[in-house]
Amino acid sequence: MLNFVPILLIFGIFYFLLLRPMQKQRKQQQQLLKELQNGNVVLTSGGIIGTVVSLSEDTVTLRVKPDNVKLVISRSAVSGMAPENLK
């Protein structure tokens, strides 16, 4: 029985240092994608900053400055809200 204690301890440390923070981050990302609205300024995983023009179930249409180009991207490509200094 004492042989399993170190293995359980290692698993506990692994869970609290790696798995739990990843699950929390995934939940935050899903919540962000659910709460997207027209007019939000977002940052994509490719580094594009744009304003949300329209939303569908799987895609987001962004307006990108300065030429007001519209891009249709996958909803999962939105990585977060744009920082205030980049808006």
PDB file of N, CA and C in Angstrom:
ATOM      1  N   MET A   1       0.810  -1.195   0.000  1.00  0.00           N
ATOM      2  CA  MET A   1       0.000   0.000   0.000  1.00  0.00           C
ATOM      3  C   MET A   1       0.857   1.264   0.000  1.00  0.00           C
ATOM      4  N   LEU A   2       1.967   1.215   0.686  1.00  0.00           N
ATOM      5  CA  LEU A   2       2.847   2.374   0.746  1.00  0.00           C
ATOM      6  C   LEU A   2       3.497   2.667  -0.609  1.00  0.00           C
ATOM      7  N   ASN A   3       3.542   1.678  -1.484  1.00  0.00           N
ATOM      8  CA  ASN A   3       4.123   1.897  -2.805  1.00  0.00           C
ATOM      9  C   ASN A   3       3.251   2.788  -3.678  1.00  0.00           C
ATOM     10  N   PHE A   4       1.957   2.845  -3.408  1.00  0.00           N
ATOM     11  CA  PHE A   4       1.048   3.654  -4.224  1.00  0.00           C
ATOM     12  C   PHE A   4       0.965   5.111  -3.773  1.00  0.00           C
ATOM     13  N   VAL A   5       1.392   5.419  -2.582  1.00  0.00           N
ATOM     14  CA  VAL A   5       1.323   6.781  -2.053  1.00  0.00           C
ATOM     15  C   VAL A   5       2.118   7.761  -2.920  1.00  0.00           C
ATOM     16  N   PRO A   6       3.359   7.471  -3.293  1.00  0.00           N
ATOM     17  CA  PRO A   6       4.088   8.425  -4.144  1.00  0.00           C
ATOM     18  C   PRO A   6       3.425   8.622  -5.511  1.00  0.00           C
ATOM     19  N   ILE A   7       2.865   7.557  -6.070  1.00  0.00           N
ATOM     20  CA  ILE A   7       2.199   7.672  -7.361  1.00  0.00           C
ATOM     21  C   ILE A   7       0.961   8.555  -7.238  1.00  0.00           C
ATOM     22  N   LEU A   8       0.182   8.364  -6.185  1.00  0.00           N
ATOM     23  CA  LEU A   8      -1.000   9.200  -5.955  1.00  0.00           C
ATOM     24  C   LEU A   8      -0.607  10.649  -5.700  1.00  0.00           C
ATOM     25  N   LEU A   9       0.475  10.859  -4.989  1.00  0.00           N
ATOM     26  CA  LEU A   9       0.958  12.206  -4.731  1.00  0.00           C
ATOM     27  C   LEU A   9       1.381  12.892  -6.028  1.00  0.00           C
ATOM     28  N   ILE A  10       2.084  12.187  -6.876  1.00  0.00           N
ATOM     29  CA  ILE A  10       2.498  12.740  -8.167  1.00  0.00           C
ATOM     30  C   ILE A  10       1.285  13.064  -9.027  1.00  0.00           C
ATOM     31  N   PHE A  11       0.287  12.179  -9.050  1.00  0.00           N
ATOM     32  CA  PHE A  11      -0.930  12.442  -9.811  1.00  0.00           C
ATOM     33  C   PHE A  11      -1.665  13.666  -9.277  1.00  0.00           C
ATOM     34  N   GLY A  12      -1.723  13.816  -7.959  1.00  0.00           N
ATOM     35  CA  GLY A  12      -2.375  14.983  -7.356  1.00  0.00           C
ATOM     36  C   GLY A  12      -1.684  16.272  -7.743  1.00  0.00           C
ATOM     37  N   ILE A  13      -0.372  16.286  -7.701  1.00  0.00           N
ATOM     38  CA  ILE A  13       0.393  17.474  -8.107  1.00  0.00           C
ATOM     39  C   ILE A  13       0.182  17.755  -9.586  1.00  0.00           C
ATOM     40  N   PHE A  14       0.220  16.728 -10.399  1.00  0.00           N
ATOM     41  CA  PHE A  14      -0.001  16.867 -11.842  1.00  0.00           C
ATOM     42  C   PHE A  14      -1.373  17.471 -12.116  1.00  0.00           C
ATOM     43  N   TYR A  15      -2.388  16.997 -11.395  1.00  0.00           N
ATOM     44  CA  TYR A  15      -3.744  17.493 -11.593  1.00  0.00           C
ATOM     45  C   TYR A  15      -3.839  18.979 -11.250  1.00  0.00           C
ATOM     46  N   PHE A  16      -3.332  19.376 -10.092  1.00  0.00           N
ATOM     47  CA  PHE A  16      -3.483  20.756  -9.653  1.00  0.00           C
ATOM     48  C   PHE A  16      -2.571  21.730 -10.391  1.00  0.00           C
ATOM     49  N   LEU A  17      -1.461  21.280 -10.943  1.00  0.00           N
ATOM     50  CA  LEU A  17      -0.566  22.188 -11.657  1.00  0.00           C
ATOM     51  C   LEU A  17      -0.824  22.245 -13.160  1.00  0.00           C
ATOM     52  N   LEU A  18      -1.382  21.185 -13.743  1.00  0.00           N
ATOM     53  CA  LEU A  18      -1.565  21.166 -15.194  1.00  0.00           C
ATOM     54  C   LEU A  18      -3.019  21.018 -15.637  1.00  0.00           C
ATOM     55  N   LEU A  19      -3.684  19.989 -15.200  1.00  0.00           N
ATOM     56  CA  LEU A  19      -5.012  19.685 -15.713  1.00  0.00           C
ATOM     57  C   LEU A  19      -6.065  20.701 -15.276  1.00  0.00           C
ATOM     58  N   ARG A  20      -6.086  21.055 -14.033  1.00  0.00           N
ATOM     59  CA  ARG A  20      -7.105  21.975 -13.531  1.00  0.00           C
ATOM     60  C   ARG A  20      -7.016  23.356 -14.175  1.00  0.00           C
ATOM     61  N   PRO A  21      -5.839  23.968 -14.294  1.00  0.00           N
ATOM     62  CA  PRO A  21      -5.764  25.265 -14.974  1.00  0.00           C
ATOM     63  C   PRO A  21      -6.168  25.191 -16.455  1.00  0.00           C
ATOM     64  N   MET A  22      -5.855  24.084 -17.119  1.00  0.00           N
ATOM     65  CA  MET A  22      -6.247  23.939 -18.527  1.00  0.00           C
ATOM     66  C   MET A  22      -7.762  23.841 -18.656  1.00  0.00           C
ATOM     67  N   GLN A  23      -8.417  23.135 -17.752  1.00  0.00           N
ATOM     68  CA  GLN A  23      -9.873  23.032 -17.779  1.00  0.00           C
ATOM     69  C   GLN A  23     -10.519  24.386 -17.518  1.00  0.00           C
ATOM     70  N   LYS A  24      -9.962  25.144 -16.602  1.00  0.00           N
ATOM     71  CA  LYS A  24     -10.485  26.469 -16.290  1.00  0.00           C
ATOM     72  C   LYS A  24     -10.340  27.403 -17.489  1.00  0.00           C
ATOM     73  N   GLN A  25      -9.191  27.350 -18.159  1.00  0.00           N
ATOM     74  CA  GLN A  25      -8.957  28.191 -19.331  1.00  0.00           C
ATOM     75  C   GLN A  25      -9.900  27.811 -20.467  1.00  0.00           C
ATOM     76  N   ARG A  26     -10.148  26.521 -20.663  1.00  0.00           N
ATOM     77  CA  ARG A  26     -11.058  26.053 -21.707  1.00  0.00           C
ATOM     78  C   ARG A  26     -12.483  26.546 -21.450  1.00  0.00           C
ATOM     79  N   LYS A  27     -12.916  26.520 -20.197  1.00  0.00           N
ATOM     80  CA  LYS A  27     -14.245  27.015 -19.841  1.00  0.00           C
ATOM     81  C   LYS A  27     -14.357  28.514 -20.095  1.00  0.00           C
ATOM     82  N   GLN A  28     -13.313  29.270 -19.777  1.00  0.00           N
ATOM     83  CA  GLN A  28     -13.317  30.708 -20.027  1.00  0.00           C
ATOM     84  C   GLN A  28     -13.397  30.996 -21.522  1.00  0.00           C
ATOM     85  N   GLN A  29     -12.690  30.233 -22.349  1.00  0.00           N
ATOM     86  CA  GLN A  29     -12.713  30.415 -23.797  1.00  0.00           C
ATOM     87  C   GLN A  29     -14.100  30.125 -24.346  1.00  0.00           C
ATOM     88  N   GLN A  30     -14.733  29.052 -23.887  1.00  0.00           N
ATOM     89  CA  GLN A  30     -16.077  28.724 -24.343  1.00  0.00           C
ATOM     90  C   GLN A  30     -17.073  29.801 -23.929  1.00  0.00           C
ATOM     91  N   GLN A  31     -16.921  30.345 -22.740  1.00  0.00           N
ATOM     92  CA  GLN A  31     -17.799  31.411 -22.274  1.00  0.00           C
ATOM     93  C   GLN A  31     -17.618  32.661 -23.124  1.00  0.00           C
ATOM     94  N   LEU A  32     -16.379  32.993 -23.470  1.00  0.00           N
ATOM     95  CA  LEU A  32     -16.098  34.141 -24.323  1.00  0.00           C
ATOM     96  C   LEU A  32     -16.769  33.980 -25.679  1.00  0.00           C
ATOM     97  N   LEU A  33     -16.669  32.795 -26.267  1.00  0.00           N
ATOM     98  CA  LEU A  33     -17.263  32.565 -27.584  1.00  0.00           C
ATOM     99  C   LEU A  33     -18.786  32.639 -27.529  1.00  0.00           C
ATOM    100  N   LYS A  34     -19.382  32.217 -26.421  1.00  0.00           N
ATOM    101  CA  LYS A  34     -20.838  32.308 -26.277  1.00  0.00           C
ATOM    102  C   LYS A  34     -21.299  33.755 -26.153  1.00  0.00           C
ATOM    103  N   GLU A  35     -20.484  34.592 -25.522  1.00  0.00           N
ATOM    104  CA  GLU A  35     -20.878  35.969 -25.231  1.00  0.00           C
ATOM    105  C   GLU A  35     -20.479  36.969 -26.311  1.00  0.00           C
ATOM    106  N   LEU A  36     -19.940  36.513 -27.433  1.00  0.00           N
ATOM    107  CA  LEU A  36     -19.568  37.439 -28.500  1.00  0.00           C
ATOM    108  C   LEU A  36     -20.792  38.193 -28.996  1.00  0.00           C
ATOM    109  N   GLN A  37     -20.602  39.489 -29.255  1.00  0.00           N
ATOM    110  CA  GLN A  37     -21.681  40.328 -29.763  1.00  0.00           C
ATOM    111  C   GLN A  37     -21.142  41.228 -30.859  1.00  0.00           C
ATOM    112  N   ASN A  38     -22.054  41.742 -31.671  1.00  0.00           N
ATOM    113  CA  ASN A  38     -21.664  42.712 -32.693  1.00  0.00           C
ATOM    114  C   ASN A  38     -21.045  43.927 -32.006  1.00  0.00           C
ATOM    115  N   GLY A  39     -19.966  44.442 -32.585  1.00  0.00           N
ATOM    116  CA  GLY A  39     -19.288  45.599 -32.032  1.00  0.00           C
ATOM    117  C   GLY A  39     -18.125  45.265 -31.128  1.00  0.00           C
ATOM    118  N   ASN A  40     -17.991  44.032 -30.699  1.00  0.00           N
ATOM    119  CA  ASN A  40     -16.842  43.641 -29.874  1.00  0.00           C
ATOM    120  C   ASN A  40     -15.571  43.700 -30.715  1.00  0.00           C
ATOM    121  N   VAL A  41     -14.489  44.166 -30.125  1.00  0.00           N
ATOM    122  CA  VAL A  41     -13.188  44.165 -30.791  1.00  0.00           C
ATOM    123  C   VAL A  41     -12.437  42.947 -30.267  1.00  0.00           C
ATOM    124  N   VAL A  42     -12.087  42.028 -31.189  1.00  0.00           N
ATOM    125  CA  VAL A  42     -11.500  40.753 -30.793  1.00  0.00           C
ATOM    126  C   VAL A  42     -10.130  40.550 -31.440  1.00  0.00           C
ATOM    127  N   LEU A  43      -9.382  39.641 -30.862  1.00  0.00           N
ATOM    128  CA  LEU A  43      -8.078  39.224 -31.360  1.00  0.00           C
ATOM    129  C   LEU A  43      -8.199  37.772 -31.780  1.00  0.00           C
ATOM    130  N   THR A  44      -7.760  37.455 -32.993  1.00  0.00           N
ATOM    131  CA  THR A  44      -7.828  36.073 -33.467  1.00  0.00           C
ATOM    132  C   THR A  44      -6.535  35.340 -33.125  1.00  0.00           C
ATOM    133  N   SER A  45      -6.566  34.047 -33.286  1.00  0.00           N
ATOM    134  CA  SER A  45      -5.366  33.248 -32.996  1.00  0.00           C
ATOM    135  C   SER A  45      -4.253  33.538 -34.001  1.00  0.00           C
ATOM    136  N   GLY A  46      -4.589  34.120 -35.146  1.00  0.00           N
ATOM    137  CA  GLY A  46      -3.591  34.500 -36.136  1.00  0.00           C
ATOM    138  C   GLY A  46      -3.040  35.893 -35.931  1.00  0.00           C
ATOM    139  N   GLY A  47      -3.536  36.601 -34.905  1.00  0.00           N
ATOM    140  CA  GLY A  47      -3.031  37.929 -34.598  1.00  0.00           C
ATOM    141  C   GLY A  47      -3.800  39.060 -35.257  1.00  0.00           C
ATOM    142  N   ILE A  48      -4.928  38.790 -35.859  1.00  0.00           N
ATOM    143  CA  ILE A  48      -5.738  39.817 -36.508  1.00  0.00           C
ATOM    144  C   ILE A  48      -6.666  40.438 -35.476  1.00  0.00           C
ATOM    145  N   ILE A  49      -6.722  41.768 -35.480  1.00  0.00           N
ATOM    146  CA  ILE A  49      -7.622  42.491 -34.593  1.00  0.00           C
ATOM    147  C   ILE A  49      -8.732  43.071 -35.447  1.00  0.00           C
ATOM    148  N   GLY A  50      -9.971  42.795 -35.071  1.00  0.00           N
ATOM    149  CA  GLY A  50     -11.092  43.283 -35.857  1.00  0.00           C
ATOM    150  C   GLY A  50     -12.335  43.446 -35.013  1.00  0.00           C
ATOM    151  N   THR A  51     -13.307  44.146 -35.581  1.00  0.00           N
ATOM    152  CA  THR A  51     -14.578  44.385 -34.919  1.00  0.00           C
ATOM    153  C   THR A  51     -15.598  43.394 -35.455  1.00  0.00           C
ATOM    154  N   VAL A  52     -16.348  42.759 -34.566  1.00  0.00           N
ATOM    155  CA  VAL A  52     -17.355  41.783 -34.970  1.00  0.00           C
ATOM    156  C   VAL A  52     -18.498  42.514 -35.659  1.00  0.00           C
ATOM    157  N   VAL A  53     -18.792  42.079 -36.899  1.00  0.00           N
ATOM    158  CA  VAL A  53     -19.870  42.666 -37.685  1.00  0.00           C
ATOM    159  C   VAL A  53     -21.098  41.780 -37.644  1.00  0.00           C
ATOM    160  N   SER A  54     -20.902  40.470 -37.795  1.00  0.00           N
ATOM    161  CA  SER A  54     -22.023  39.539 -37.716  1.00  0.00           C
ATOM    162  C   SER A  54     -21.534  38.200 -37.185  1.00  0.00           C
ATOM    163  N   LEU A  55     -22.484  37.456 -36.649  1.00  0.00           N
ATOM    164  CA  LEU A  55     -22.194  36.162 -36.052  1.00  0.00           C
ATOM    165  C   LEU A  55     -23.132  35.115 -36.618  1.00  0.00           C
ATOM    166  N   SER A  56     -22.607  33.916 -36.782  1.00  0.00           N
ATOM    167  CA  SER A  56     -23.457  32.768 -37.061  1.00  0.00           C
ATOM    168  C   SER A  56     -23.037  31.673 -36.089  1.00  0.00           C
ATOM    169  N   GLU A  57     -23.594  30.506 -36.245  1.00  0.00           N
ATOM    170  CA  GLU A  57     -23.293  29.432 -35.298  1.00  0.00           C
ATOM    171  C   GLU A  57     -21.817  29.036 -35.324  1.00  0.00           C
ATOM    172  N   ASP A  58     -21.216  28.996 -36.516  1.00  0.00           N
ATOM    173  CA  ASP A  58     -19.835  28.532 -36.652  1.00  0.00           C
ATOM    174  C   ASP A  58     -18.844  29.592 -37.090  1.00  0.00           C
ATOM    175  N   THR A  59     -19.320  30.735 -37.589  1.00  0.00           N
ATOM    176  CA  THR A  59     -18.412  31.738 -38.136  1.00  0.00           C
ATOM    177  C   THR A  59     -18.652  33.110 -37.521  1.00  0.00           C
ATOM    178  N   VAL A  60     -17.638  33.951 -37.672  1.00  0.00           N
ATOM    179  CA  VAL A  60     -17.689  35.342 -37.230  1.00  0.00           C
ATOM    180  C   VAL A  60     -17.186  36.184 -38.389  1.00  0.00           C
ATOM    181  N   THR A  61     -17.884  37.263 -38.694  1.00  0.00           N
ATOM    182  CA  THR A  61     -17.423  38.200 -39.713  1.00  0.00           C
ATOM    183  C   THR A  61     -16.813  39.395 -38.998  1.00  0.00           C
ATOM    184  N   LEU A  62     -15.557  39.699 -39.338  1.00  0.00           N
ATOM    185  CA  LEU A  62     -14.826  40.803 -38.718  1.00  0.00           C
ATOM    186  C   LEU A  62     -14.603  41.914 -39.724  1.00  0.00           C
ATOM    187  N   ARG A  63     -14.655  43.155 -39.248  1.00  0.00           N
ATOM    188  CA  ARG A  63     -14.260  44.306 -40.054  1.00  0.00           C
ATOM    189  C   ARG A  63     -12.884  44.721 -39.551  1.00  0.00           C
ATOM    190  N   VAL A  64     -11.921  44.758 -40.484  1.00  0.00           N
ATOM    191  CA  VAL A  64     -10.534  45.043 -40.138  1.00  0.00           C
ATOM    192  C   VAL A  64     -10.181  46.422 -40.675  1.00  0.00           C
ATOM    193  N   LYS A  65      -9.616  47.254 -39.830  1.00  0.00           N
ATOM    194  CA  LYS A  65      -9.196  48.588 -40.225  1.00  0.00           C
ATOM    195  C   LYS A  65      -7.908  48.504 -41.003  1.00  0.00           C
ATOM    196  N   PRO A  66      -7.454  49.428 -41.744  1.00  0.00           N
ATOM    197  CA  PRO A  66      -8.010  50.743 -42.019  1.00  0.00           C
ATOM    198  C   PRO A  66      -8.925  50.747 -43.251  1.00  0.00           C
ATOM    199  N   ASP A  67      -8.921  49.701 -44.048  1.00  0.00           N
ATOM    200  CA  ASP A  67      -9.687  49.700 -45.295  1.00  0.00           C
ATOM    201  C   ASP A  67     -11.069  49.082 -45.153  1.00  0.00           C
ATOM    202  N   ASN A  68     -11.493  48.812 -43.921  1.00  0.00           N
ATOM    203  CA  ASN A  68     -12.796  48.200 -43.656  1.00  0.00           C
ATOM    204  C   ASN A  68     -13.003  46.896 -44.423  1.00  0.00           C
ATOM    205  N   VAL A  69     -11.963  46.094 -44.496  1.00  0.00           N
ATOM    206  CA  VAL A  69     -12.043  44.781 -45.127  1.00  0.00           C
ATOM    207  C   VAL A  69     -12.823  43.859 -44.196  1.00  0.00           C
ATOM    208  N   LYS A  70     -13.704  43.035 -44.774  1.00  0.00           N
ATOM    209  CA  LYS A  70     -14.464  42.082 -43.973  1.00  0.00           C
ATOM    210  C   LYS A  70     -13.887  40.687 -44.160  1.00  0.00           C
ATOM    211  N   LEU A  71     -13.645  40.013 -43.052  1.00  0.00           N
ATOM    212  CA  LEU A  71     -13.103  38.661 -43.042  1.00  0.00           C
ATOM    213  C   LEU A  71     -14.098  37.728 -42.372  1.00  0.00           C
ATOM    214  N   VAL A  72     -14.301  36.557 -42.943  1.00  0.00           N
ATOM    215  CA  VAL A  72     -15.124  35.534 -42.317  1.00  0.00           C
ATOM    216  C   VAL A  72     -14.171  34.494 -41.745  1.00  0.00           C
ATOM    217  N   ILE A  73     -14.256  34.304 -40.430  1.00  0.00           N
ATOM    218  CA  ILE A  73     -13.363  33.362 -39.761  1.00  0.00           C
ATOM    219  C   ILE A  73     -14.190  32.373 -38.944  1.00  0.00           C
ATOM    220  N   SER A  74     -13.567  31.297 -38.572  1.00  0.00           N
ATOM    221  CA  SER A  74     -14.204  30.318 -37.697  1.00  0.00           C
ATOM    222  C   SER A  74     -14.342  30.914 -36.304  1.00  0.00           C
ATOM    223  N   ARG A  75     -15.424  30.618 -35.654  1.00  0.00           N
ATOM    224  CA  ARG A  75     -15.661  31.134 -34.302  1.00  0.00           C
ATOM    225  C   ARG A  75     -14.554  30.681 -33.351  1.00  0.00           C
ATOM    226  N   SER A  76     -14.030  29.489 -33.559  1.00  0.00           N
ATOM    227  CA  SER A  76     -12.980  28.969 -32.678  1.00  0.00           C
ATOM    228  C   SER A  76     -11.644  29.688 -32.872  1.00  0.00           C
ATOM    229  N   ALA A  77     -11.504  30.479 -33.934  1.00  0.00           N
ATOM    230  CA  ALA A  77     -10.262  31.212 -34.171  1.00  0.00           C
ATOM    231  C   ALA A  77     -10.172  32.476 -33.325  1.00  0.00           C
ATOM    232  N   VAL A  78     -11.258  32.865 -32.689  1.00  0.00           N
ATOM    233  CA  VAL A  78     -11.236  34.036 -31.807  1.00  0.00           C
ATOM    234  C   VAL A  78     -10.546  33.607 -30.517  1.00  0.00           C
ATOM    235  N   SER A  79      -9.444  34.293 -30.199  1.00  0.00           N
ATOM    236  CA  SER A  79      -8.692  33.902 -29.003  1.00  0.00           C
ATOM    237  C   SER A  79      -9.019  34.771 -27.805  1.00  0.00           C
ATOM    238  N   GLY A  80      -9.586  35.942 -28.028  1.00  0.00           N
ATOM    239  CA  GLY A  80      -9.945  36.776 -26.885  1.00  0.00           C
ATOM    240  C   GLY A  80     -10.315  38.172 -27.324  1.00  0.00           C
ATOM    241  N   MET A  81     -10.616  38.997 -26.344  1.00  0.00           N
ATOM    242  CA  MET A  81     -10.902  40.396 -26.591  1.00  0.00           C
ATOM    243  C   MET A  81      -9.576  41.113 -26.805  1.00  0.00           C
ATOM    244  N   ALA A  82      -9.587  42.105 -27.690  1.00  0.00           N
ATOM    245  CA  ALA A  82      -8.353  42.854 -27.979  1.00  0.00           C
ATOM    246  C   ALA A  82      -7.992  43.715 -26.774  1.00  0.00           C
ATOM    247  N   PRO A  83      -6.700  43.817 -26.486  1.00  0.00           N
ATOM    248  CA  PRO A  83      -6.265  44.693 -25.393  1.00  0.00           C
ATOM    249  C   PRO A  83      -6.627  46.148 -25.693  1.00  0.00           C
ATOM    250  N   GLU A  84      -6.846  46.934 -24.658  1.00  0.00           N
ATOM    251  CA  GLU A  84      -7.270  48.326 -24.817  1.00  0.00           C
ATOM    252  C   GLU A  84      -6.290  49.155 -25.653  1.00  0.00           C
ATOM    253  N   ASN A  85      -4.994  48.896 -25.522  1.00  0.00           N
ATOM    254  CA  ASN A  85      -4.007  49.703 -26.247  1.00  0.00           C
ATOM    255  C   ASN A  85      -3.938  49.366 -27.738  1.00  0.00           C
ATOM    256  N   LEU A  86      -4.587  48.282 -28.167  1.00  0.00           N
ATOM    257  CA  LEU A  86      -4.562  47.903 -29.588  1.00  0.00           C
ATOM    258  C   LEU A  86      -5.877  48.184 -30.303  1.00  0.00           C
ATOM    259  N   LYS A  87      -6.867  48.684 -29.613  1.00  0.00           N
ATOM    260  CA  LYS A  87      -8.189  48.902 -30.225  1.00  0.00           C
ATOM    261  C   LYS A  87      -8.165  50.052 -31.159  1.00  0.00           C
TER     262      LYS A  87
END
